[in-house]
């Protein structure tokens, strides 16, 4: 983001490869791709991907642990 001095911030659910967003500071259009030269945008993509994976894992664990606990209670 040449010319923009602020740190890029956006919600992890919105950060995906190929998405275009406007910079909140300078209103410049930013295309998020894995091939970008900007290390900060690459890091944002990687961090967002990791956060989504952790969130999905937590939802999966909570869902299936509750189901397993309910099955265990029904058998006793």
Protein backbone atom coordinates (compact mmCIF):
# COMPACT_ATOMS: atom_id res chain seq x y z
CA UNK A 1 0.00 0.00 0.00
CA UNK A 2 2.35 2.74 -1.12
CA UNK A 3 1.38 6.13 0.25
CA UNK A 4 -0.66 4.70 3.12
CA UNK A 5 0.99 4.66 6.51
CA UNK A 6 -1.71 2.93 8.55
CA UNK A 7 -1.77 -0.78 9.36
CA UNK A 8 -4.26 -2.74 7.29
CA UNK A 9 -7.06 -4.10 9.49
CA UNK A 10 -10.12 -6.05 8.46
CA UNK A 11 -12.18 -8.91 9.91
CA UNK A 12 -10.73 -12.36 9.28
CA UNK A 13 -13.98 -13.58 7.71
CA UNK A 14 -13.64 -10.95 4.98
CA UNK A 15 -9.97 -11.60 4.18
CA UNK A 16 -9.69 -14.22 1.44
CA UNK A 17 -7.55 -14.72 -1.63
CA UNK A 18 -8.87 -12.70 -4.57
CA UNK A 19 -11.01 -10.28 -2.54
CA UNK A 20 -10.85 -6.55 -3.21
CA UNK A 21 -11.34 -4.06 -0.36
CA UNK A 22 -10.84 -0.34 0.05
CA UNK A 23 -8.21 0.91 2.49
CA UNK A 24 -10.01 2.59 5.37
CA UNK A 25 -7.37 5.32 5.54
CA UNK A 26 -6.64 6.33 1.94
CA UNK A 27 -9.63 4.63 0.21
CA UNK A 28 -7.28 2.93 -2.28
CA UNK A 29 -8.55 -0.35 -3.76
CA UNK A 30 -6.52 -3.30 -2.47
CA UNK A 31 -6.61 -6.72 -4.12
CA UNK A 32 -5.68 -9.47 -1.70
CA UNK A 33 -3.75 -12.29 -3.36
CA UNK A 34 -1.20 -14.81 -2.19
CA UNK A 35 1.18 -13.57 -4.89
CA UNK A 36 1.30 -9.97 -3.64
CA UNK A 37 4.69 -8.40 -3.01
CA UNK A 38 3.45 -6.71 0.18
CA UNK A 39 4.49 -8.87 3.16
CA UNK A 40 1.86 -7.25 5.38
CA UNK A 41 -0.97 -8.30 3.07
CA UNK A 42 0.46 -11.82 2.79
CA UNK A 43 0.62 -11.97 6.58
CA UNK A 44 -2.98 -10.73 6.83
CA UNK A 45 -4.11 -13.51 4.47
CA UNK A 46 -2.19 -16.14 6.41
CA UNK A 47 -3.41 -14.94 9.81
CA UNK A 48 -7.01 -14.75 8.60
CA UNK A 49 -6.78 -18.30 7.24
CA UNK A 50 -5.38 -19.53 10.58
CA UNK A 51 -8.07 -17.71 12.57
CA UNK A 52 -10.86 -19.16 10.42
CA UNK A 53 -9.40 -22.66 10.81
CA UNK A 54 -9.21 -22.27 14.60
CA UNK A 55 -12.77 -20.93 14.73
CA UNK A 56 -14.04 -23.81 12.59
CA UNK A 57 -12.18 -26.33 14.77
CA UNK A 58 -13.72 -24.84 17.92
CA UNK A 59 -17.23 -25.02 16.45
CA UNK A 60 -16.61 -28.60 15.28
CA UNK A 61 -15.28 -29.64 18.69
CA UNK A 62 -18.11 -27.98 20.59
CA UNK A 63 -20.73 -29.53 18.33
CA UNK A 64 -19.39 -33.06 18.39
CA UNK A 65 -18.35 -33.05 22.05
CA UNK A 66 -21.91 -32.08 22.98
CA UNK A 67 -23.29 -34.87 20.78
CA UNK A 68 -20.86 -37.40 22.25
CA UNK A 69 -21.72 -36.32 25.80
CA UNK A 70 -25.44 -36.63 25.07
CA UNK A 71 -24.97 -40.13 23.63
CA UNK A 72 -22.93 -41.15 26.66
CA UNK A 73 -25.68 -39.94 29.04
CA UNK A 74 -28.36 -41.83 27.11
CA UNK A 75 -26.52 -45.15 27.35
CA UNK A 76 -26.19 -45.09 31.17
